[in-house]
Every structure is written in structure tokens, then in C-alpha cells.
PDB file of all heavy atoms in Angstrom:
ATOM      1  N   ASN A   1      71.127 -41.876-141.889  1.00  0.00           N
ATOM      2  CA  ASN A   1      71.880 -43.115-142.001  1.00  0.00           C
ATOM      3  C   ASN A   1      73.143 -42.822-142.818  1.00  0.00           C
ATOM      4  O   ASN A   1      73.035 -42.322-143.934  1.00  0.00           O
ATOM      5  CB  ASN A   1      71.033 -44.189-142.698  1.00  0.00           C
ATOM      6  CG  ASN A   1      71.713 -45.528-142.763  1.00  0.00           C
ATOM      7  OD1 ASN A   1      72.724 -45.761-142.096  1.00  0.00           O
ATOM      8  ND2 ASN A   1      71.183 -46.423-143.559  1.00  0.00           N
ATOM      9  N   MET A   2      74.303 -43.108-142.248  1.00  0.00           N
ATOM     10  CA  MET A   2      75.562 -42.873-142.951  1.00  0.00           C
ATOM     11  C   MET A   2      76.479 -44.079-142.783  1.00  0.00           C
ATOM     12  O   MET A   2      76.556 -44.693-141.720  1.00  0.00           O
ATOM     13  CB  MET A   2      76.262 -41.626-142.398  1.00  0.00           C
ATOM     14  CG  MET A   2      77.592 -41.321-143.039  1.00  0.00           C
ATOM     15  SD  MET A   2      78.274 -39.697-142.607  1.00  0.00           S
ATOM     16  CE  MET A   2      78.615 -39.906-140.868  1.00  0.00           C
ATOM     17  N   MET A   3      77.134 -44.419-143.858  1.00  0.00           N
ATOM     18  CA  MET A   3      78.156 -45.474-143.840  1.00  0.00           C
ATOM     19  C   MET A   3      79.433 -44.885-144.415  1.00  0.00           C
ATOM     20  O   MET A   3      79.409 -44.257-145.483  1.00  0.00           O
ATOM     21  CB  MET A   3      77.704 -46.676-144.674  1.00  0.00           C
ATOM     22  CG  MET A   3      78.712 -47.796-144.679  1.00  0.00           C
ATOM     23  SD  MET A   3      78.014 -49.195-145.557  1.00  0.00           S
ATOM     24  CE  MET A   3      79.492 -50.115-145.885  1.00  0.00           C
ATOM     25  N   MET A   4      80.514 -45.070-143.727  1.00  0.00           N
ATOM     26  CA  MET A   4      81.820 -44.564-144.165  1.00  0.00           C
ATOM     27  C   MET A   4      82.825 -45.710-144.193  1.00  0.00           C
ATOM     28  O   MET A   4      82.793 -46.587-143.333  1.00  0.00           O
ATOM     29  CB  MET A   4      82.349 -43.508-143.195  1.00  0.00           C
ATOM     30  CG  MET A   4      81.408 -42.364-142.941  1.00  0.00           C
ATOM     31  SD  MET A   4      82.034 -41.287-141.630  1.00  0.00           S
ATOM     32  CE  MET A   4      82.968 -40.147-142.637  1.00  0.00           C
ATOM     33  N   ILE A   5      83.685 -45.673-145.173  1.00  0.00           N
ATOM     34  CA  ILE A   5      84.853 -46.560-145.196  1.00  0.00           C
ATOM     35  C   ILE A   5      86.038 -45.644-144.975  1.00  0.00           C
ATOM     36  O   ILE A   5      86.253 -44.700-145.730  1.00  0.00           O
ATOM     37  CB  ILE A   5      84.970 -47.318-146.516  1.00  0.00           C
ATOM     38  CG1 ILE A   5      83.713 -48.166-146.750  1.00  0.00           C
ATOM     39  CG2 ILE A   5      86.238 -48.197-146.505  1.00  0.00           C
ATOM     40  CD1 ILE A   5      83.647 -48.818-148.098  1.00  0.00           C
ATOM     41  N   VAL A   6      86.764 -45.904-143.898  1.00  0.00           N
ATOM     42  CA  VAL A   6      87.874 -45.051-143.522  1.00  0.00           C
ATOM     43  C   VAL A   6      89.157 -45.867-143.396  1.00  0.00           C
ATOM     44  O   VAL A   6      89.119 -47.070-143.195  1.00  0.00           O
ATOM     45  CB  VAL A   6      87.604 -44.291-142.200  1.00  0.00           C
ATOM     46  CG1 VAL A   6      86.353 -43.424-142.317  1.00  0.00           C
ATOM     47  CG2 VAL A   6      87.473 -45.220-141.009  1.00  0.00           C
ATOM     48  N   ASP A   7      90.290 -45.167-143.502  1.00  0.00           N
ATOM     49  CA  ASP A   7      91.597 -45.771-143.324  1.00  0.00           C
ATOM     50  C   ASP A   7      92.192 -45.213-142.048  1.00  0.00           C
ATOM     51  O   ASP A   7      92.489 -44.009-141.969  1.00  0.00           O
ATOM     52  CB  ASP A   7      92.473 -45.460-144.530  1.00  0.00           C
ATOM     53  CG  ASP A   7      93.874 -46.026-144.432  1.00  0.00           C
ATOM     54  OD1 ASP A   7      94.161 -46.727-143.437  1.00  0.00           O
ATOM     55  OD2 ASP A   7      94.677 -45.769-145.346  1.00  0.00           O
ATOM     56  N   ILE A   8      92.351 -46.072-141.033  1.00  0.00           N
ATOM     57  CA  ILE A   8      92.851 -45.588-139.741  1.00  0.00           C
ATOM     58  C   ILE A   8      94.374 -45.776-139.586  1.00  0.00           C
ATOM     59  O   ILE A   8      94.918 -45.523-138.515  1.00  0.00           O
ATOM     60  CB  ILE A   8      92.114 -46.259-138.554  1.00  0.00           C
ATOM     61  CG1 ILE A   8      92.365 -47.760-138.475  1.00  0.00           C
ATOM     62  CG2 ILE A   8      90.621 -45.962-138.617  1.00  0.00           C
ATOM     63  CD1 ILE A   8      91.836 -48.406-137.207  1.00  0.00           C
ATOM     64  N   SER A   9      95.052 -46.176-140.656  1.00  0.00           N
ATOM     65  CA  SER A   9      96.499 -46.446-140.551  1.00  0.00           C
ATOM     66  C   SER A   9      97.314 -45.187-140.221  1.00  0.00           C
ATOM     67  O   SER A   9      98.408 -45.319-139.681  1.00  0.00           O
ATOM     68  CB  SER A   9      97.002 -47.117-141.822  1.00  0.00           C
ATOM     69  OG  SER A   9      96.849 -46.272-142.932  1.00  0.00           O
ATOM     70  N   GLY A  10      96.810 -44.002-140.500  1.00  0.00           N
ATOM     71  CA  GLY A  10      97.546 -42.783-140.171  1.00  0.00           C
ATOM     72  C   GLY A  10      97.327 -42.279-138.756  1.00  0.00           C
ATOM     73  O   GLY A  10      97.962 -41.327-138.300  1.00  0.00           O
ATOM     74  N   SER A  11      96.429 -42.942-138.028  1.00  0.00           N
ATOM     75  CA  SER A  11      96.107 -42.492-136.676  1.00  0.00           C
ATOM     76  C   SER A  11      97.034 -43.137-135.640  1.00  0.00           C
ATOM     77  O   SER A  11      97.430 -44.282-135.774  1.00  0.00           O
ATOM     78  CB  SER A  11      94.657 -42.867-136.345  1.00  0.00           C
ATOM     79  OG  SER A  11      94.327 -42.459-135.026  1.00  0.00           O
ATOM     80  N   SER A  12      97.313 -42.369-134.597  1.00  0.00           N
ATOM     81  CA  SER A  12      98.104 -42.917-133.493  1.00  0.00           C
ATOM     82  C   SER A  12      97.213 -43.661-132.495  1.00  0.00           C
ATOM     83  O   SER A  12      97.704 -44.325-131.591  1.00  0.00           O
ATOM     84  CB  SER A  12      98.861 -41.800-132.785  1.00  0.00           C
ATOM     85  OG  SER A  12      97.958 -40.865-132.240  1.00  0.00           O
ATOM     86  N   GLN A  13      95.901 -43.567-132.685  1.00  0.00           N
ATOM     87  CA  GLN A  13      94.947 -44.228-131.791  1.00  0.00           C
ATOM     88  C   GLN A  13      94.732 -45.679-132.205  1.00  0.00           C
ATOM     89  O   GLN A  13      94.765 -46.008-133.385  1.00  0.00           O
ATOM     90  CB  GLN A  13      93.593 -43.513-131.836  1.00  0.00           C
ATOM     91  CG  GLN A  13      93.610 -42.061-131.433  1.00  0.00           C
ATOM     92  CD  GLN A  13      93.832 -41.880-129.958  1.00  0.00           C
ATOM     93  OE1 GLN A  13      93.746 -42.807-129.140  1.00  0.00           O
ATOM     94  NE2 GLN A  13      94.134 -40.644-129.569  1.00  0.00           N
ATOM     95  N   GLU A  14      94.510 -46.518-131.242  1.00  0.00           N
ATOM     96  CA  GLU A  14      94.149 -47.914-131.499  1.00  0.00           C
ATOM     97  C   GLU A  14      92.690 -48.007-131.956  1.00  0.00           C
ATOM     98  O   GLU A  14      91.891 -47.130-131.612  1.00  0.00           O
ATOM     99  CB  GLU A  14      94.340 -48.772-130.242  1.00  0.00           C
ATOM    100  CG  GLU A  14      95.767 -48.873-129.768  1.00  0.00           C
ATOM    101  CD  GLU A  14      96.626 -49.699-130.711  1.00  0.00           C
ATOM    102  OE1 GLU A  14      96.112 -50.671-131.278  1.00  0.00           O
ATOM    103  OE2 GLU A  14      97.805 -49.362-130.872  1.00  0.00           O
ATOM    104  N   PHE A  15      92.350 -49.066-132.669  1.00  0.00           N
ATOM    105  CA  PHE A  15      90.986 -49.263-133.146  1.00  0.00           C
ATOM    106  C   PHE A  15      89.983 -49.161-131.987  1.00  0.00           C
ATOM    107  O   PHE A  15      88.941 -48.501-132.112  1.00  0.00           O
ATOM    108  CB  PHE A  15      90.842 -50.626-133.838  1.00  0.00           C
ATOM    109  CG  PHE A  15      89.432 -50.970-134.173  1.00  0.00           C
ATOM    110  CD1 PHE A  15      88.837 -50.487-135.342  1.00  0.00           C
ATOM    111  CD2 PHE A  15      88.676 -51.763-133.324  1.00  0.00           C
ATOM    112  CE1 PHE A  15      87.522 -50.787-135.638  1.00  0.00           C
ATOM    113  CE2 PHE A  15      87.351 -52.075-133.628  1.00  0.00           C
ATOM    114  CZ  PHE A  15      86.774 -51.585-134.778  1.00  0.00           C
ATOM    115  N   ALA A  16      90.252 -49.827-130.869  1.00  0.00           N
ATOM    116  CA  ALA A  16      89.331 -49.827-129.735  1.00  0.00           C
ATOM    117  C   ALA A  16      89.079 -48.429-129.202  1.00  0.00           C
ATOM    118  O   ALA A  16      87.945 -48.093-128.835  1.00  0.00           O
ATOM    119  CB  ALA A  16      89.861 -50.733-128.620  1.00  0.00           C
ATOM    120  N   THR A  17      90.104 -47.603-129.177  1.00  0.00           N
ATOM    121  CA  THR A  17      89.950 -46.238-128.700  1.00  0.00           C
ATOM    122  C   THR A  17      89.112 -45.410-129.666  1.00  0.00           C
ATOM    123  O   THR A  17      88.217 -44.678-129.250  1.00  0.00           O
ATOM    124  CB  THR A  17      91.335 -45.558-128.526  1.00  0.00           C
ATOM    125  OG1 THR A  17      92.091 -46.345-127.593  1.00  0.00           O
ATOM    126  CG2 THR A  17      91.224 -44.137-128.038  1.00  0.00           C
ATOM    127  N   ILE A  18      89.383 -45.545-130.948  1.00  0.00           N
ATOM    128  CA  ILE A  18      88.599 -44.832-131.962  1.00  0.00           C
ATOM    129  C   ILE A  18      87.138 -45.238-131.866  1.00  0.00           C
ATOM    130  O   ILE A  18      86.243 -44.383-131.841  1.00  0.00           O
ATOM    131  CB  ILE A  18      89.161 -45.137-133.373  1.00  0.00           C
ATOM    132  CG1 ILE A  18      90.549 -44.540-133.539  1.00  0.00           C
ATOM    133  CG2 ILE A  18      88.197 -44.620-134.465  1.00  0.00           C
ATOM    134  CD1 ILE A  18      91.323 -45.050-134.755  1.00  0.00           C
ATOM    135  N   SER A  19      86.880 -46.515-131.764  1.00  0.00           N
ATOM    136  CA  SER A  19      85.521 -47.028-131.666  1.00  0.00           C
ATOM    137  C   SER A  19      84.806 -46.467-130.439  1.00  0.00           C
ATOM    138  O   SER A  19      83.675 -45.995-130.530  1.00  0.00           O
ATOM    139  CB  SER A  19      85.544 -48.553-131.622  1.00  0.00           C
ATOM    140  OG  SER A  19      84.254 -49.062-131.585  1.00  0.00           O
ATOM    141  N   LYS A  20      85.473 -46.494-129.309  1.00  0.00           N
ATOM    142  CA  LYS A  20      84.893 -46.005-128.059  1.00  0.00           C
ATOM    143  C   LYS A  20      84.622 -44.503-128.132  1.00  0.00           C
ATOM    144  O   LYS A  20      83.548 -44.034-127.731  1.00  0.00           O
ATOM    145  CB  LYS A  20      85.817 -46.322-126.884  1.00  0.00           C
ATOM    146  CG  LYS A  20      85.309 -45.870-125.552  1.00  0.00           C
ATOM    147  CD  LYS A  20      86.262 -46.209-124.449  1.00  0.00           C
ATOM    148  CE  LYS A  20      85.789 -45.635-123.133  1.00  0.00           C
ATOM    149  NZ  LYS A  20      86.758 -45.796-122.068  1.00  0.00           N
ATOM    150  N   GLU A  21      85.577 -43.739-128.647  1.00  0.00           N
ATOM    151  CA  GLU A  21      85.402 -42.289-128.714  1.00  0.00           C
ATOM    152  C   GLU A  21      84.295 -41.887-129.693  1.00  0.00           C
ATOM    153  O   GLU A  21      83.524 -40.959-129.417  1.00  0.00           O
ATOM    154  CB  GLU A  21      86.731 -41.620-129.059  1.00  0.00           C
ATOM    155  CG  GLU A  21      87.717 -41.712-127.922  1.00  0.00           C
ATOM    156  CD  GLU A  21      89.082 -41.109-128.213  1.00  0.00           C
ATOM    157  OE1 GLU A  21      89.381 -40.782-129.374  1.00  0.00           O
ATOM    158  OE2 GLU A  21      89.861 -40.970-127.229  1.00  0.00           O
ATOM    159  N   LEU A  22      84.197 -42.584-130.812  1.00  0.00           N
ATOM    160  CA  LEU A  22      83.102 -42.298-131.751  1.00  0.00           C
ATOM    161  C   LEU A  22      81.754 -42.664-131.140  1.00  0.00           C
ATOM    162  O   LEU A  22      80.767 -41.955-131.322  1.00  0.00           O
ATOM    163  CB  LEU A  22      83.321 -43.028-133.077  1.00  0.00           C
ATOM    164  CG  LEU A  22      84.333 -42.374-134.015  1.00  0.00           C
ATOM    165  CD1 LEU A  22      84.675 -43.291-135.188  1.00  0.00           C
ATOM    166  CD2 LEU A  22      83.826 -41.019-134.527  1.00  0.00           C
ATOM    167  N   GLU A  23      81.701 -43.756-130.402  1.00  0.00           N
ATOM    168  CA  GLU A  23      80.465 -44.138-129.720  1.00  0.00           C
ATOM    169  C   GLU A  23      80.054 -43.056-128.723  1.00  0.00           C
ATOM    170  O   GLU A  23      78.876 -42.717-128.616  1.00  0.00           O
ATOM    171  CB  GLU A  23      80.683 -45.480-129.013  1.00  0.00           C
ATOM    172  CG  GLU A  23      79.396 -46.206-128.707  1.00  0.00           C
ATOM    173  CD  GLU A  23      79.646 -47.634-128.262  1.00  0.00           C
ATOM    174  OE1 GLU A  23      80.334 -48.387-128.967  1.00  0.00           O
ATOM    175  OE2 GLU A  23      79.124 -47.985-127.174  1.00  0.00           O
ATOM    176  N   GLN A  24      81.033 -42.479-128.016  1.00  0.00           N
ATOM    177  CA  GLN A  24      80.747 -41.405-127.065  1.00  0.00           C
ATOM    178  C   GLN A  24      80.237 -40.159-127.778  1.00  0.00           C
ATOM    179  O   GLN A  24      79.305 -39.502-127.304  1.00  0.00           O
ATOM    180  CB  GLN A  24      82.012 -41.066-126.257  1.00  0.00           C
ATOM    181  CG  GLN A  24      82.378 -42.145-125.268  1.00  0.00           C
ATOM    182  CD  GLN A  24      83.740 -41.929-124.621  1.00  0.00           C
ATOM    183  OE1 GLN A  24      84.570 -41.181-125.109  1.00  0.00           O
ATOM    184  NE2 GLN A  24      83.965 -42.612-123.500  1.00  0.00           N
ATOM    185  N   ILE A  25      80.814 -39.844-128.942  1.00  0.00           N
ATOM    186  CA  ILE A  25      80.337 -38.711-129.726  1.00  0.00           C
ATOM    187  C   ILE A  25      78.896 -38.962-130.140  1.00  0.00           C
ATOM    188  O   ILE A  25      78.055 -38.069-130.068  1.00  0.00           O
ATOM    189  CB  ILE A  25      81.243 -38.474-130.970  1.00  0.00           C
ATOM    190  CG1 ILE A  25      82.580 -37.907-130.518  1.00  0.00           C
ATOM    191  CG2 ILE A  25      80.556 -37.542-131.968  1.00  0.00           C
ATOM    192  CD1 ILE A  25      83.632 -37.861-131.612  1.00  0.00           C
ATOM    193  N   GLY A  26      78.595 -40.189-130.566  1.00  0.00           N
ATOM    194  CA  GLY A  26      77.223 -40.538-130.921  1.00  0.00           C
ATOM    195  C   GLY A  26      76.264 -40.320-129.767  1.00  0.00           C
ATOM    196  O   GLY A  26      75.181 -39.767-129.951  1.00  0.00           O
ATOM    197  N   ASP A  27      76.672 -40.723-128.572  1.00  0.00           N
ATOM    198  CA  ASP A  27      75.828 -40.523-127.385  1.00  0.00           C
ATOM    199  C   ASP A  27      75.581 -39.036-127.152  1.00  0.00           C
ATOM    200  O   ASP A  27      74.463 -38.636-126.818  1.00  0.00           O
ATOM    201  CB  ASP A  27      76.499 -41.127-126.136  1.00  0.00           C
ATOM    202  CG  ASP A  27      76.515 -42.649-126.151  1.00  0.00           C
ATOM    203  OD1 ASP A  27      75.763 -43.257-126.952  1.00  0.00           O
ATOM    204  OD2 ASP A  27      77.306 -43.230-125.382  1.00  0.00           O
ATOM    205  N   GLU A  28      76.608 -38.222-127.346  1.00  0.00           N
ATOM    206  CA  GLU A  28      76.481 -36.768-127.143  1.00  0.00           C
ATOM    207  C   GLU A  28      75.500 -36.119-128.128  1.00  0.00           C
ATOM    208  O   GLU A  28      74.795 -35.190-127.755  1.00  0.00           O
ATOM    209  CB  GLU A  28      77.853 -36.092-127.306  1.00  0.00           C
ATOM    210  CG  GLU A  28      78.843 -36.395-126.222  1.00  0.00           C
ATOM    211  CD  GLU A  28      80.260 -35.908-126.580  1.00  0.00           C
ATOM    212  OE1 GLU A  28      80.399 -35.125-127.536  1.00  0.00           O
ATOM    213  OE2 GLU A  28      81.190 -36.360-125.883  1.00  0.00           O
ATOM    214  N   ILE A  29      75.469 -36.605-129.365  1.00  0.00           N
ATOM    215  CA  ILE A  29      74.631 -35.973-130.386  1.00  0.00           C
ATOM    216  C   ILE A  29      73.362 -36.764-130.689  1.00  0.00           C
ATOM    217  O   ILE A  29      72.587 -36.389-131.574  1.00  0.00           O
ATOM    218  CB  ILE A  29      75.437 -35.680-131.683  1.00  0.00           C
ATOM    219  CG1 ILE A  29      75.993 -36.954-132.321  1.00  0.00           C
ATOM    220  CG2 ILE A  29      76.534 -34.681-131.402  1.00  0.00           C
ATOM    221  CD1 ILE A  29      76.711 -36.740-133.641  1.00  0.00           C
ATOM    222  N   GLY A  30      73.140 -37.843-129.973  1.00  0.00           N
ATOM    223  CA  GLY A  30      71.891 -38.578-130.082  1.00  0.00           C
ATOM    224  C   GLY A  30      71.785 -39.538-131.284  1.00  0.00           C
ATOM    225  O   GLY A  30      70.671 -39.768-131.787  1.00  0.00           O
ATOM    226  N   VAL A  31      72.900 -40.074-131.710  1.00  0.00           N
ATOM    227  CA  VAL A  31      72.894 -41.070-132.782  1.00  0.00           C
ATOM    228  C   VAL A  31      73.700 -42.284-132.330  1.00  0.00           C
ATOM    229  O   VAL A  31      74.462 -42.202-131.358  1.00  0.00           O
ATOM    230  CB  VAL A  31      73.456 -40.516-134.105  1.00  0.00           C
ATOM    231  CG1 VAL A  31      72.611 -39.384-134.642  1.00  0.00           C
ATOM    232  CG2 VAL A  31      74.907 -40.088-133.971  1.00  0.00           C
ATOM    233  N   ASN A  32      73.574 -43.379-133.067  1.00  0.00           N
ATOM    234  CA  ASN A  32      74.310 -44.606-132.758  1.00  0.00           C
ATOM    235  C   ASN A  32      75.464 -44.700-133.748  1.00  0.00           C
ATOM    236  O   ASN A  32      75.232 -44.762-134.953  1.00  0.00           O
ATOM    237  CB  ASN A  32      73.352 -45.783-132.900  1.00  0.00           C
ATOM    238  CG  ASN A  32      73.954 -47.095-132.459  1.00  0.00           C
ATOM    239  OD1 ASN A  32      75.148 -47.342-132.649  1.00  0.00           O
ATOM    240  ND2 ASN A  32      73.133 -47.942-131.902  1.00  0.00           N
ATOM    241  N   ILE A  33      76.691 -44.698-133.241  1.00  0.00           N
ATOM    242  CA  ILE A  33      77.879 -44.823-134.088  1.00  0.00           C
ATOM    243  C   ILE A  33      78.599 -46.121-133.741  1.00  0.00           C
ATOM    244  O   ILE A  33      78.928 -46.363-132.584  1.00  0.00           O
ATOM    245  CB  ILE A  33      78.836 -43.629-133.931  1.00  0.00           C
ATOM    246  CG1 ILE A  33      78.137 -42.317-134.229  1.00  0.00           C
ATOM    247  CG2 ILE A  33      80.094 -43.816-134.807  1.00  0.00           C
ATOM    248  CD1 ILE A  33      79.007 -41.073-134.015  1.00  0.00           C
ATOM    249  N   LYS A  34      78.808 -46.929-134.779  1.00  0.00           N
ATOM    250  CA  LYS A  34      79.504 -48.207-134.607  1.00  0.00           C
ATOM    251  C   LYS A  34      80.667 -48.316-135.594  1.00  0.00           C
ATOM    252  O   LYS A  34      80.577 -47.836-136.722  1.00  0.00           O
ATOM    253  CB  LYS A  34      78.567 -49.380-134.861  1.00  0.00           C
ATOM    254  CG  LYS A  34      77.434 -49.474-133.855  1.00  0.00           C
ATOM    255  CD  LYS A  34      77.943 -49.828-132.493  1.00  0.00           C
ATOM    256  CE  LYS A  34      76.778 -49.911-131.508  1.00  0.00           C
ATOM    257  NZ  LYS A  34      77.219 -49.881-130.142  1.00  0.00           N
ATOM    258  N   CYS A  35      81.753 -48.945-135.159  1.00  0.00           N
ATOM    259  CA  CYS A  35      82.919 -49.189-136.005  1.00  0.00           C
ATOM    260  C   CYS A  35      83.147 -50.689-136.096  1.00  0.00           C
ATOM    261  O   CYS A  35      83.010 -51.406-135.094  1.00  0.00           O
ATOM    262  CB  CYS A  35      84.172 -48.561-135.388  1.00  0.00           C
ATOM    263  SG  CYS A  35      84.130 -46.781-135.259  1.00  0.00           S
ATOM    264  N   GLN A  36      83.501 -51.131-137.294  1.00  0.00           N
ATOM    265  CA  GLN A  36      83.875 -52.528-137.492  1.00  0.00           C
ATOM    266  C   GLN A  36      85.071 -52.573-138.416  1.00  0.00           C
ATOM    267  O   GLN A  36      85.136 -51.833-139.400  1.00  0.00           O
ATOM    268  CB  GLN A  36      82.752 -53.327-138.157  1.00  0.00           C
ATOM    269  CG  GLN A  36      81.659 -53.768-137.249  1.00  0.00           C
ATOM    270  CD  GLN A  36      80.705 -54.674-137.979  1.00  0.00           C
ATOM    271  OE1 GLN A  36      80.084 -54.264-138.934  1.00  0.00           O
ATOM    272  NE2 GLN A  36      80.604 -55.911-137.520  1.00  0.00           N
ATOM    273  N   ARG A  37      86.006 -53.452-138.106  1.00  0.00           N
ATOM    274  CA  ARG A  37      87.107 -53.672-139.023  1.00  0.00           C
ATOM    275  C   ARG A  37      86.557 -54.241-140.324  1.00  0.00           C
ATOM    276  O   ARG A  37      85.605 -55.032-140.306  1.00  0.00           O
ATOM    277  CB  ARG A  37      88.127 -54.622-138.418  1.00  0.00           C
ATOM    278  CG  ARG A  37      88.818 -54.063-137.195  1.00  0.00           C
ATOM    279  CD  ARG A  37      89.841 -55.071-136.702  1.00  0.00           C
ATOM    280  NE  ARG A  37      90.437 -54.634-135.474  1.00  0.00           N
ATOM    281  CZ  ARG A  37      91.467 -53.794-135.383  1.00  0.00           C
ATOM    282  NH1 ARG A  37      91.990 -53.277-136.458  1.00  0.00           N
ATOM    283  NH2 ARG A  37      91.962 -53.462-134.202  1.00  0.00           N
ATOM    284  N   GLU A  38      87.160 -53.875-141.441  1.00  0.00           N
ATOM    285  CA  GLU A  38      86.645 -54.303-142.744  1.00  0.00           C
ATOM    286  C   GLU A  38      86.560 -55.825-142.847  1.00  0.00           C
ATOM    287  O   GLU A  38      85.552 -56.344-143.342  1.00  0.00           O
ATOM    288  CB  GLU A  38      87.534 -53.749-143.866  1.00  0.00           C
ATOM    289  CG  GLU A  38      87.067 -54.142-145.232  1.00  0.00           C
ATOM    290  CD  GLU A  38      87.971 -53.642-146.335  1.00  0.00           C
ATOM    291  OE1 GLU A  38      89.207 -53.602-146.142  1.00  0.00           O
ATOM    292  OE2 GLU A  38      87.445 -53.277-147.401  1.00  0.00           O
ATOM    293  N   GLU A  39      87.556 -56.539-142.379  1.00  0.00           N
ATOM    294  CA  GLU A  39      87.547 -57.990-142.523  1.00  0.00           C
ATOM    295  C   GLU A  39      86.420 -58.635-141.726  1.00  0.00           C
ATOM    296  O   GLU A  39      85.826 -59.623-142.157  1.00  0.00           O
ATOM    297  CB  GLU A  39      88.899 -58.616-142.172  1.00  0.00           C
ATOM    298  CG  GLU A  39      89.386 -58.372-140.754  1.00  0.00           C
ATOM    299  CD  GLU A  39      90.182 -57.081-140.578  1.00  0.00           C
ATOM    300  OE1 GLU A  39      90.208 -56.231-141.471  1.00  0.00           O
ATOM    301  OE2 GLU A  39      90.792 -56.943-139.496  1.00  0.00           O
ATOM    302  N   ILE A  40      86.061 -58.078-140.575  1.00  0.00           N
ATOM    303  CA  ILE A  40      84.950 -58.586-139.781  1.00  0.00           C
ATOM    304  C   ILE A  40      83.631 -58.272-140.472  1.00  0.00           C
ATOM    305  O   ILE A  40      82.746 -59.125-140.587  1.00  0.00           O
ATOM    306  CB  ILE A  40      84.962 -57.980-138.361  1.00  0.00           C
ATOM    307  CG1 ILE A  40      86.288 -58.284-137.640  1.00  0.00           C
ATOM    308  CG2 ILE A  40      83.755 -58.464-137.555  1.00  0.00           C
ATOM    309  CD1 ILE A  40      86.576 -59.730-137.419  1.00  0.00           C
ATOM    310  N   PHE A  41      83.516 -57.044-140.977  1.00  0.00           N
ATOM    311  CA  PHE A  41      82.323 -56.630-141.705  1.00  0.00           C
ATOM    312  C   PHE A  41      82.078 -57.553-142.893  1.00  0.00           C
ATOM    313  O   PHE A  41      80.970 -58.017-143.120  1.00  0.00           O
ATOM    314  CB  PHE A  41      82.458 -55.179-142.149  1.00  0.00           C
ATOM    315  CG  PHE A  41      81.214 -54.610-142.790  1.00  0.00           C
ATOM    316  CD1 PHE A  41      80.236 -54.033-142.021  1.00  0.00           C
ATOM    317  CD2 PHE A  41      81.043 -54.653-144.155  1.00  0.00           C
ATOM    318  CE1 PHE A  41      79.088 -53.511-142.579  1.00  0.00           C
ATOM    319  CE2 PHE A  41      79.910 -54.131-144.759  1.00  0.00           C
ATOM    320  CZ  PHE A  41      78.928 -53.560-143.957  1.00  0.00           C
TER     321      PHE A  41
END
């Protein structure tokens, strides 16, 4: 179980893309990866 607080302001990727790509990485390695904007969380 891991929780990270990250700053995506330096990335050229949109939040939706980051979320989708991390979810795909999770699928590849057998874990569930979810992203939420801080204000929604």
C-alpha cells in the first residue's frame, strides 16, 4: 500500500493522461494505481 503526494505542474502531460498511463502501469505489474487531484481528495 503506497500513497504519494506529487506535483504535476512540471509535466507536459495532462492529468487525464498521467492517470491513464499510471493505471496501465498498474495493470502491467498487477497492482491498482489511482490518481486524484488534491482538491477532490
